Amino acid sequence: MKILFAGSELNPLAHTGGLGDVMAALPSAIRKLGYDARVIMPLYKQIKINYRQELKFMRWAMIKLGWRTMYSGLFQMTVNDVPVYFIDNEYYFGHDSIYLDYSFDIERFSFFQRAVLEALGEPMGFAPDVLHLNDWQTAMIPVLLEAHHSESEYYQNLKTVLTIHNLKYQGVHGREQVQDYLELPDHFFSEANVLKDGVPNFLKVGIVYSDRVTTVSPTYAKEILTDYYGEGLNGILGAHRGKLRGILNGLDTDDYNPATDQRIAKNYDISSWKSGKAYCKRTLEKELGFKSGGDKPLLAMITRLADQKGIDLLLHIGDELLETTQAHLVIIGTGDPHLEYRVRELADRHPDQMHALISFEPDKARKLYAASDLFLMPSLFEPCGLSQMIAMRYGSLPVVRQTGGLTDTVQPYNRFDGSGNGFGFLNINAHELLYTIKHAINLYENNPGAWDKLVESAMSGDYSWQHSAQEYVSLYEEFK
């Protein structure tokens, strides 16, 4: 069986978060199971610059986009043993950023989706059995198949799977523009088809027209059927729940491996984590300018500074947390300028206990995973989350709000039997977060035996893609 993944990101070529990580890891894991999985994505400016020598030109064509006739180049290269195809157009993708103005992004990814369908088969020398789509940037492909390719036997038999990485981002724009870009006949523009609340909604279309819909964790698949998490699409999802699955993301466990990671101060594994993490901690704290003295717990938060991530909860209790404990706190991330300002303010009020890095620093992030004792992730919602799995892999125990993928990966400490691999709280409440952090710090300081058991449980967890890839393969096999 042949599967083509279509998406807007791919790590390490061009990515902003979890979507890029999935697009890099999942096709590779599926290929290891004996399936021919490949990827297609836009040829962004940064890829052209950084991989010019590796890119192989395949062909060019002209794509009709309403009244426009646009050049579409097709390039190919291999990334980690996975064939990757690229749609080239300087006007749409020759920019410094992956994402631009939202309305222009609608046009850019309308072009991309039409170009993907034009490239299938003879142009790329690959005719997939399954198109695996990712988020709103590719979610109109199933309706394009019905509108423009229904007379072709190959396209009629082509199956589609849509993975929702974050339901919040849906691709919403005006009817006139979308009908122009995609040349959909009038009868598609109804609430039963393309429209949601009177306007085209790309993600809604993908849910309605795809053969299967997946989310990136089982709990998130259940949550999005509710009003609170459904982002206005819970009714649509409920109507199509028969094709909805939740499959948990995995990690690239070769990359995220404290035993071999060259970015951290000292390598360690489950048999040597105490000395290894202690060395990493001393090294990082010295690098950041913390005053030495005593084994104070080091708390970490590596995140996009956005409301979704629960940073406001931490900021609400940050002063009380630092004033009533001896803990050190390090936050790495960028995002909302107001939240960036508040994080800096908190750090300025507690210079001896807190350090804020308002920047994107992957190397420093790896060092913090390895050095930290607790990893804070109080998300308001979390489709899957990778940071908590990375933290556990490095022996940093996560403190999470029990939602989405955090529920599926973090088992809160049970003081009666000592089980667990982290700490959790249920409600969106700053003082529940404070209580949970203090509870974890108390265990760290006063019950080293229980703490050690939790760390070893976290480090021994299976966070690989192997199980998840097998679940996707089973889903594809349903089409046979």
Protein backbone atom coordinates (compact mmCIF):
# COMPACT_ATOMS: atom_id res chain seq x y z
CA MET A 1 0.00 0.00 0.00
CA LYS A 2 1.22 3.50 -0.89
CA ILE A 3 0.55 6.52 1.33
CA LEU A 4 1.28 10.16 0.56
CA PHE A 5 1.35 12.58 3.49
CA ALA A 6 0.41 16.16 2.58
CA GLY A 7 1.12 18.99 4.99
CA SER A 8 2.56 22.45 5.49
CA GLU A 9 5.56 21.55 7.71
CA LEU A 10 8.36 19.02 8.00
CA ASN A 11 11.10 18.95 10.62
CA PRO A 12 13.95 19.85 10.11
CA LEU A 13 13.25 21.55 6.77
CA ALA A 14 10.54 24.00 7.85
CA HIS A 15 8.46 23.71 11.00
CA THR A 16 6.93 25.65 13.86
CA GLY A 17 5.73 22.88 16.16
CA GLY A 18 4.22 19.44 16.57
CA LEU A 19 2.85 19.12 13.02
CA GLY A 20 6.37 19.28 11.60
CA ASP A 21 7.58 16.65 14.06
CA VAL A 22 4.76 14.28 13.12
CA MET A 23 5.33 14.78 9.40
CA ALA A 24 8.99 13.86 9.92
CA ALA A 25 8.54 10.84 12.17
CA LEU A 26 5.30 9.07 11.19
CA PRO A 27 6.05 8.39 7.48
CA SER A 28 9.45 7.02 8.47
CA ALA A 29 7.89 4.72 11.08
CA ILE A 30 5.29 3.50 8.57
CA ARG A 31 8.01 2.74 6.01
CA LYS A 32 9.72 0.53 8.60
CA LEU A 33 6.51 -1.53 8.69
CA GLY A 34 6.88 -2.26 4.98
CA TYR A 35 4.61 0.42 3.48
CA ASP A 36 5.62 2.98 0.87
CA ALA A 37 5.01 6.27 2.70
CA ARG A 38 6.09 9.59 1.17
CA VAL A 39 5.54 13.30 1.84
CA ILE A 40 4.54 16.36 -0.21
CA MET A 41 4.82 19.94 1.05
CA PRO A 42 5.47 23.50 -0.19
CA LEU A 43 8.98 24.45 -1.30
CA TYR A 44 9.59 27.34 1.09
CA LYS A 45 12.38 29.86 0.62
CA GLN A 46 14.40 28.45 3.53
CA ILE A 47 14.36 24.98 1.98
CA LYS A 48 15.56 26.33 -1.36
CA ILE A 49 18.44 28.11 0.37
CA ASN A 50 19.47 25.37 2.79
CA TYR A 51 19.01 22.32 0.53
CA ARG A 52 19.70 23.67 -2.92
CA GLN A 53 22.21 20.92 -3.78
CA GLU A 54 19.93 18.07 -2.69
CA LEU A 55 16.78 19.20 -4.50
CA LYS A 56 16.05 17.42 -7.77
CA PHE A 57 13.80 19.14 -10.33
CA MET A 58 11.13 16.80 -11.73
CA ARG A 59 8.80 18.90 -13.90
CA TRP A 60 6.73 22.07 -14.09
CA ALA A 61 3.07 22.72 -14.94
CA MET A 62 0.55 25.53 -14.97
CA ILE A 63 -2.19 25.44 -12.34
CA LYS A 64 -5.50 27.21 -12.83
CA LEU A 65 -6.61 29.12 -9.73
CA GLY A 66 -9.76 30.96 -10.67
CA TRP A 67 -8.77 33.70 -13.13
CA ARG A 68 -5.05 33.07 -12.38
CA THR A 69 -2.76 30.67 -14.19
CA MET A 70 0.16 29.90 -11.90
CA TYR A 71 3.47 28.10 -12.35
CA SER A 72 3.84 24.94 -10.24
CA GLY A 73 7.25 23.30 -10.02
CA LEU A 74 7.76 19.81 -8.65
CA PHE A 75 11.00 18.95 -6.84
CA GLN A 76 12.10 15.92 -4.88
CA MET A 77 14.70 14.92 -2.29
CA THR A 78 15.11 12.25 0.38
CA VAL A 79 14.87 13.18 4.06
CA ASN A 80 15.77 10.48 6.60
CA ASP A 81 15.12 7.76 4.00
CA VAL A 82 11.66 9.19 3.16
CA PRO A 83 11.03 10.54 -0.37
CA VAL A 84 9.74 14.11 -0.07
CA TYR A 85 8.13 16.07 -2.92
CA PHE A 86 7.90 19.86 -3.02
CA ILE A 87 5.46 22.20 -4.76
CA ASP A 88 7.35 25.26 -5.97
CA ASN A 89 5.93 28.72 -6.60
CA GLU A 90 7.95 31.81 -5.78
CA TYR A 91 4.93 34.09 -5.35
CA TYR A 92 3.28 31.84 -2.77
CA PHE A 93 6.23 30.22 -0.99
CA GLY A 94 9.25 32.45 -1.58
CA HIS A 95 8.92 34.26 1.75
CA ASP A 96 10.95 34.30 4.95
CA SER A 97 8.17 32.72 7.04
CA ILE A 98 6.11 29.55 6.63
CA TYR A 99 2.88 31.34 7.50
CA LEU A 100 1.98 34.89 6.48
CA ASP A 101 -1.16 37.01 6.53
CA TYR A 102 -4.12 34.72 7.23
CA SER A 103 -6.16 35.70 4.16
CA PHE A 104 -3.10 35.23 1.92
CA ASP A 105 -2.47 31.85 3.54
CA ILE A 106 -5.94 30.76 2.40
CA GLU A 107 -4.93 31.56 -1.19
CA ARG A 108 -1.46 30.01 -0.84
CA PHE A 109 -2.74 26.71 0.49
CA SER A 110 -5.64 26.64 -1.98
CA PHE A 111 -2.98 26.69 -4.68
CA PHE A 112 -0.94 24.05 -2.87
CA GLN A 113 -3.88 21.65 -2.61
CA ARG A 114 -4.74 21.97 -6.30
CA ALA A 115 -1.07 21.50 -7.19
CA VAL A 116 -0.85 18.34 -5.06
CA LEU A 117 -3.72 16.71 -6.93
CA GLU A 118 -2.25 17.71 -10.29
CA ALA A 119 1.10 16.14 -9.36
CA LEU A 120 -0.21 12.70 -8.42
CA GLY A 121 0.58 9.74 -10.63
CA GLU A 122 2.69 10.27 -13.74
CA PRO A 123 4.18 13.70 -12.86
CA MET A 124 5.75 12.46 -9.63
CA GLY A 125 6.00 8.82 -10.62
CA PHE A 126 3.96 7.85 -7.56
CA ALA A 127 0.25 7.03 -7.40
CA PRO A 128 -0.76 6.71 -3.73
CA ASP A 129 -3.64 4.58 -2.50
CA VAL A 130 -4.16 6.89 0.49
CA LEU A 131 -3.75 10.64 0.84
CA HIS A 132 -3.00 11.41 4.50
CA LEU A 133 -3.93 15.07 5.02
CA ASN A 134 -2.91 17.26 7.94
CA ASP A 135 -4.82 20.24 9.34
CA TRP A 136 -6.76 22.90 7.43
CA GLN A 137 -3.97 23.60 4.93
CA THR A 138 -4.81 20.33 3.15
CA ALA A 139 -8.39 19.68 4.29
CA MET A 140 -10.11 20.84 1.07
CA ILE A 141 -8.49 18.09 -1.00
CA PRO A 142 -11.38 15.59 -0.50
CA VAL A 143 -13.96 18.03 -1.87
CA LEU A 144 -11.63 18.97 -4.73
CA LEU A 145 -11.48 15.27 -5.61
CA GLU A 146 -15.27 15.14 -5.83
CA ALA A 147 -15.66 18.44 -7.66
CA HIS A 148 -12.89 18.11 -10.26
CA HIS A 149 -11.79 14.48 -10.49
CA SER A 150 -14.92 12.37 -10.03
CA GLU A 151 -14.75 11.00 -13.59
CA SER A 152 -11.29 9.48 -13.12
CA GLU A 153 -11.26 5.87 -11.92
CA TYR A 154 -7.94 6.41 -10.11
CA TYR A 155 -9.17 9.45 -8.19
CA GLN A 156 -12.47 7.71 -7.39
CA ASN A 157 -10.55 4.96 -5.62
CA LEU A 158 -8.16 7.32 -3.81
CA LYS A 159 -8.88 7.27 -0.06
CA THR A 160 -8.34 10.21 2.28
CA VAL A 161 -7.42 10.44 5.96
CA LEU A 162 -7.45 13.80 7.73
CA THR A 163 -5.46 14.27 10.94
CA ILE A 164 -6.47 17.20 13.14
CA HIS A 165 -3.45 18.44 15.07
CA ASN A 166 -5.26 21.44 16.59
CA LEU A 167 -8.97 22.04 16.07
CA LYS A 168 -8.62 25.73 16.92
CA TYR A 169 -7.16 26.54 13.49
CA GLN A 170 -9.78 25.89 10.81
CA GLY A 171 -9.10 27.91 7.65
CA VAL A 172 -12.09 30.24 7.41
CA HIS A 173 -12.54 32.76 4.61
CA GLY A 174 -15.15 34.44 2.40
CA ARG A 175 -17.22 32.46 -0.10
CA GLU A 176 -16.34 34.65 -3.07
CA GLN A 177 -12.60 34.19 -2.61
CA VAL A 178 -12.73 30.44 -1.86
CA GLN A 179 -15.05 29.74 -4.78
CA ASP A 180 -12.69 31.71 -6.99
CA TYR A 181 -9.55 29.88 -5.83
CA LEU A 182 -11.04 26.37 -5.92
CA GLU A 183 -13.67 26.72 -8.68
CA LEU A 184 -16.27 24.78 -6.76
CA PRO A 185 -19.78 24.66 -8.26
CA ASP A 186 -22.55 26.53 -6.43
CA HIS A 187 -24.18 23.39 -5.06
CA PHE A 188 -21.19 22.77 -2.78
CA PHE A 189 -21.83 26.03 -0.93
CA SER A 190 -24.37 24.89 1.61
CA GLU A 191 -24.19 24.19 5.35
CA ALA A 192 -24.22 20.47 4.53
CA ASN A 193 -21.05 20.85 2.48
CA VAL A 194 -18.48 23.67 2.44
CA LEU A 195 -20.14 26.30 4.65
CA LYS A 196 -20.05 26.58 8.42
CA ASP A 197 -22.17 29.43 9.81
CA GLY A 198 -22.45 30.89 6.32
CA VAL A 199 -18.76 30.92 5.36
CA PRO A 200 -16.36 28.31 3.91
CA ASN A 201 -14.47 26.38 6.58
CA PHE A 202 -11.60 24.23 5.32
CA LEU A 203 -11.34 21.97 8.36
CA LYS A 204 -15.09 21.36 8.45
CA VAL A 205 -14.92 20.27 4.81
CA GLY A 206 -12.14 17.81 5.61
CA ILE A 207 -14.20 16.31 8.43
CA VAL A 208 -17.25 15.90 6.19
CA TYR A 209 -15.55 14.61 3.03
CA SER A 210 -12.57 12.56 4.29
CA ASP A 211 -12.92 8.81 4.58
CA ARG A 212 -11.36 8.81 8.07
CA VAL A 213 -10.60 11.56 10.59
CA THR A 214 -7.99 11.20 13.32
CA THR A 215 -6.77 13.33 16.18
CA VAL A 216 -3.41 13.09 17.88
CA SER A 217 -4.58 11.49 21.13
CA PRO A 218 -7.53 9.34 22.23
CA THR A 219 -8.66 11.75 24.96
CA TYR A 220 -8.64 14.74 22.58
CA ALA A 221 -10.84 12.74 20.17
CA LYS A 222 -13.43 12.50 22.95
CA GLU A 223 -12.99 16.08 24.19
CA ILE A 224 -13.63 17.70 20.82
CA LEU A 225 -17.13 16.22 20.77
CA THR A 226 -18.01 18.61 23.62
CA ASP A 227 -18.94 22.29 23.50
CA TYR A 228 -15.91 23.40 25.51
CA TYR A 229 -13.24 21.77 23.34
CA GLY A 230 -15.13 21.50 20.05
CA GLU A 231 -14.32 25.01 18.75
CA GLY A 232 -17.77 25.17 17.12
CA LEU A 233 -17.22 21.94 15.16
CA ASN A 234 -18.33 19.48 17.85
CA GLY A 235 -21.73 19.03 16.19
CA ILE A 236 -20.10 18.21 12.84
CA LEU A 237 -17.64 15.84 14.54
CA GLY A 238 -20.47 14.18 16.44
CA ALA A 239 -22.34 13.56 13.20
CA HIS A 240 -19.21 11.90 11.78
CA ARG A 241 -17.97 10.20 14.94
CA GLY A 242 -18.11 6.82 13.23
CA LYS A 243 -14.98 7.69 11.25
CA LEU A 244 -13.21 9.56 14.11
CA ARG A 245 -10.20 7.97 15.83
CA GLY A 246 -7.70 9.18 18.39
CA ILE A 247 -4.15 7.92 17.82
CA LEU A 248 -1.45 9.16 20.16
CA ASN A 249 1.62 10.82 18.68
CA GLY A 250 5.06 9.43 19.42
CA LEU A 251 8.59 10.80 19.68
CA ASP A 252 11.74 10.35 17.65
CA THR A 253 13.37 8.37 20.44
CA ASP A 254 16.72 8.27 18.64
CA ASP A 255 16.88 12.06 18.59
CA TYR A 256 15.46 12.55 22.08
CA ASN A 257 17.77 10.21 23.93
CA PRO A 258 19.71 11.41 26.99
CA ALA A 259 22.19 8.54 26.52
CA THR A 260 23.39 9.88 23.15
CA ASP A 261 22.21 13.54 22.97
CA GLN A 262 25.27 15.64 22.12
CA ARG A 263 23.55 18.88 23.15
CA ILE A 264 23.49 18.11 26.89
CA ALA A 265 26.37 18.49 29.33
CA LYS A 266 26.62 14.80 30.25
CA ASN A 267 24.93 11.73 28.83
CA TYR A 268 23.02 9.37 31.08
CA ASP A 269 20.47 6.58 31.00
CA ILE A 270 18.10 4.99 33.49
CA SER A 271 21.00 3.37 35.36
CA SER A 272 23.01 6.59 35.70
CA TRP A 273 20.38 9.32 35.74
CA LYS A 274 21.15 10.62 39.23
CA SER A 275 24.74 11.58 38.55
CA GLY A 276 24.01 12.55 34.93
CA LYS A 277 21.09 14.88 35.70
CA ALA A 278 22.93 16.37 38.68
CA TYR A 279 25.86 17.30 36.46
CA CYS A 280 23.56 18.73 33.77
CA LYS A 281 21.74 20.72 36.44
CA ARG A 282 24.89 22.22 37.99
CA THR A 283 26.24 23.09 34.55
CA LEU A 284 23.06 24.82 33.35
CA GLU A 285 22.46 26.72 36.59
CA LYS A 286 26.02 28.01 36.48
CA GLU A 287 25.55 28.99 32.83
CA LEU A 288 22.36 30.90 33.66
CA GLY A 289 23.91 32.65 36.65
CA PHE A 290 21.99 31.03 39.50
CA LYS A 291 23.73 31.19 42.85
CA SER A 292 24.99 27.78 43.94
CA GLY A 293 24.15 26.21 47.25
CA GLY A 294 21.99 23.25 48.13
CA ASP A 295 20.05 20.90 45.89
CA LYS A 296 17.11 23.12 45.04
CA PRO A 297 14.49 21.71 42.70
CA LEU A 298 14.75 23.11 39.17
CA LEU A 299 11.40 23.78 37.48
CA ALA A 300 11.23 24.13 33.70
CA MET A 301 8.70 25.41 31.19
CA ILE A 302 9.52 25.22 27.46
CA THR A 303 6.54 26.50 25.54
CA ARG A 304 4.91 28.78 23.08
CA LEU A 305 3.75 31.74 25.17
CA ALA A 306 0.05 31.54 24.37
CA ASP A 307 -3.14 31.34 26.41
CA GLN A 308 -3.61 27.70 25.39
CA LYS A 309 -0.47 26.68 27.25
CA GLY A 310 -1.73 27.83 30.65
CA ILE A 311 1.12 30.29 31.14
CA ASP A 312 -1.39 32.70 32.75
CA LEU A 313 -2.03 30.15 35.52
CA LEU A 314 1.66 30.02 36.34
CA LEU A 315 2.05 33.80 36.21
CA HIS A 316 -0.88 34.18 38.60
CA ILE A 317 0.84 32.12 41.31
CA GLY A 318 4.47 32.69 40.28
CA ASP A 319 5.34 35.12 43.09
CA GLU A 320 3.78 32.91 45.76
CA LEU A 321 5.48 29.81 44.36
CA LEU A 322 8.96 31.35 44.39
CA GLU A 323 8.51 33.14 47.71
CA THR A 324 7.34 30.04 49.56
CA THR A 325 9.78 27.51 48.08
CA GLN A 326 13.49 27.44 47.38
CA ALA A 327 12.86 26.32 43.80
CA HIS A 328 14.56 27.67 40.70
CA LEU A 329 12.39 28.33 37.63
CA VAL A 330 13.47 28.61 33.99
CA ILE A 331 11.04 29.52 31.19
CA ILE A 332 12.03 29.28 27.51
CA GLY A 333 9.64 30.47 24.82
CA THR A 334 8.23 33.22 22.64
CA GLY A 335 4.73 34.23 21.64
CA ASP A 336 2.16 36.75 22.81
CA PRO A 337 4.06 40.03 23.50
CA HIS A 338 1.95 40.70 26.61
CA LEU A 339 2.77 37.28 28.04
CA GLU A 340 6.44 37.75 27.14
CA TYR A 341 6.39 41.03 29.11
CA ARG A 342 4.75 39.40 32.15
CA VAL A 343 7.25 36.53 32.15
CA ARG A 344 10.13 39.04 32.10
CA GLU A 345 8.49 40.98 34.92
CA LEU A 346 8.24 37.85 37.09
CA ALA A 347 11.88 37.02 36.42
CA ASP A 348 12.93 40.59 37.26
CA ARG A 349 11.14 40.34 40.63
CA HIS A 350 12.98 37.09 41.49
CA PRO A 351 16.45 37.35 39.89
CA ASP A 352 17.99 34.81 42.28
CA GLN A 353 15.38 32.14 41.56
CA MET A 354 14.11 32.63 38.02
CA HIS A 355 15.56 33.00 34.54
CA ALA A 356 13.51 33.82 31.41
CA LEU A 357 14.76 33.14 27.87
CA ILE A 358 12.30 34.89 25.57
CA SER A 359 13.68 33.30 22.44
CA PHE A 360 13.63 30.06 20.45
CA GLU A 361 16.76 28.18 21.55
CA PRO A 362 16.62 24.44 20.74
CA ASP A 363 20.05 23.71 22.20
CA LYS A 364 19.24 25.45 25.48
CA ALA A 365 15.88 23.65 25.57
CA ARG A 366 17.63 20.27 25.41
CA LYS A 367 19.91 21.29 28.25
CA LEU A 368 16.89 22.31 30.32
CA TYR A 369 15.07 19.03 29.73
CA ALA A 370 18.16 17.20 30.98
CA ALA A 371 18.79 19.53 33.93
CA SER A 372 15.28 20.05 35.30
CA ASP A 373 13.54 18.07 38.03
CA LEU A 374 9.98 19.17 37.21
CA PHE A 375 8.46 20.19 33.89
CA LEU A 376 5.42 22.49 34.01
CA MET A 377 2.69 22.03 31.37
CA PRO A 378 -0.63 23.41 32.72
CA SER A 379 -2.34 23.58 29.32
CA LEU A 380 -5.96 24.69 29.00
CA PHE A 381 -6.21 22.14 26.19
CA GLU A 382 -3.57 19.95 24.56
CA PRO A 383 -4.36 17.82 21.49
CA CYS A 384 -1.33 15.64 22.20
CA GLY A 385 1.74 17.46 23.44
CA LEU A 386 5.31 16.28 22.87
CA SER A 387 7.09 18.30 25.55
CA GLN A 388 5.79 16.17 28.41
CA MET A 389 7.05 13.02 26.66
CA ILE A 390 10.45 14.58 25.99
CA ALA A 391 10.65 15.65 29.64
CA MET A 392 9.86 12.14 30.89
CA ARG A 393 12.40 10.65 28.49
CA TYR A 394 15.02 12.91 30.14
CA GLY A 395 13.84 12.15 33.69
CA SER A 396 12.07 15.46 34.31
CA LEU A 397 8.70 14.76 35.92
CA PRO A 398 5.80 16.64 34.29
CA VAL A 399 3.22 18.66 36.20
CA VAL A 400 0.23 18.78 33.85
CA ARG A 401 -3.41 19.68 33.69
CA GLN A 402 -5.16 16.43 32.87
CA THR A 403 -6.49 17.17 29.40
CA GLY A 404 -6.03 15.72 25.90
CA GLY A 405 -2.77 13.94 25.29
CA LEU A 406 -1.51 14.92 28.73
CA THR A 407 -4.13 12.60 30.21
CA ASP A 408 -3.03 9.80 27.88
CA THR A 409 0.69 10.07 28.67
CA VAL A 410 1.06 11.28 32.27
CA GLN A 411 -0.09 9.07 35.12
CA PRO A 412 -0.30 11.21 38.29
CA TYR A 413 1.58 10.02 41.36
CA ASN A 414 -0.45 7.73 43.60
CA ARG A 415 0.78 8.07 47.17
CA PHE A 416 -0.87 4.79 48.20
CA ASP A 417 0.98 2.46 45.84
CA GLY A 418 3.78 4.74 44.59
CA SER A 419 2.75 4.40 40.94
CA GLY A 420 2.89 7.18 38.37
CA ASN A 421 5.28 9.06 36.12
CA GLY A 422 4.37 12.66 36.97
CA PHE A 423 1.81 14.89 38.65
CA GLY A 424 -1.59 16.15 37.52
CA PHE A 425 -4.50 18.43 38.40
CA LEU A 426 -7.97 18.62 36.86
CA ASN A 427 -9.38 22.14 36.84
CA ILE A 428 -8.26 25.34 35.14
CA ASN A 429 -7.34 26.82 38.50
CA ALA A 430 -4.06 28.57 39.38
CA HIS A 431 -4.08 27.42 42.99
CA GLU A 432 -4.62 23.80 42.00
CA LEU A 433 -1.46 24.22 39.92
CA LEU A 434 0.34 25.78 42.92
CA TYR A 435 -0.77 22.98 45.23
CA THR A 436 0.34 20.31 42.75
CA ILE A 437 3.79 21.89 42.27
CA LYS A 438 4.26 22.20 46.03
CA HIS A 439 3.17 18.59 46.47
CA ALA A 440 5.78 17.52 43.91
CA ILE A 441 8.51 19.64 45.55
CA ASN A 442 7.66 18.12 48.94
CA LEU A 443 8.09 14.63 47.50
CA TYR A 444 11.41 15.65 45.91
CA GLU A 445 12.74 17.03 49.18
CA ASN A 446 11.34 14.54 51.70
CA ASN A 447 10.74 11.20 49.97
CA PRO A 448 13.68 10.43 47.66
CA GLY A 449 12.70 6.78 47.35
CA ALA A 450 9.28 7.61 45.92
CA TRP A 451 10.83 10.31 43.71
CA ASP A 452 13.40 7.93 42.27
CA LYS A 453 10.67 5.40 41.47
CA LEU A 454 8.69 8.06 39.57
CA VAL A 455 11.74 9.18 37.57
CA GLU A 456 12.60 5.62 36.60
CA SER A 457 8.98 4.97 35.60
CA ALA A 458 9.02 8.11 33.44
CA MET A 459 12.32 7.24 31.77
CA SER A 460 11.30 3.65 31.03
CA GLY A 461 8.09 4.59 29.21
CA ASP A 462 7.64 3.72 25.53
CA TYR A 463 7.31 7.04 23.67
CA SER A 464 8.28 5.73 20.25
CA TRP A 465 6.19 5.86 17.08
CA GLN A 466 6.10 2.07 16.74
CA HIS A 467 2.69 1.47 18.34
CA SER A 468 1.08 4.57 16.79
CA ALA A 469 2.39 3.72 13.32
CA GLN A 470 0.85 0.26 13.63
CA GLU A 471 -2.50 1.86 14.51
CA TYR A 472 -2.33 4.05 11.39
CA VAL A 473 -1.44 1.04 9.26
CA SER A 474 -4.46 -0.81 10.64
CA LEU A 475 -6.61 2.18 9.70
CA TYR A 476 -5.22 2.21 6.13
CA GLU A 477 -5.85 -1.52 5.82
CA GLU A 478 -9.55 -0.92 6.39
CA PHE A 479 -9.67 0.56 2.86
CA LYS A 480 -8.73 -2.73 1.23
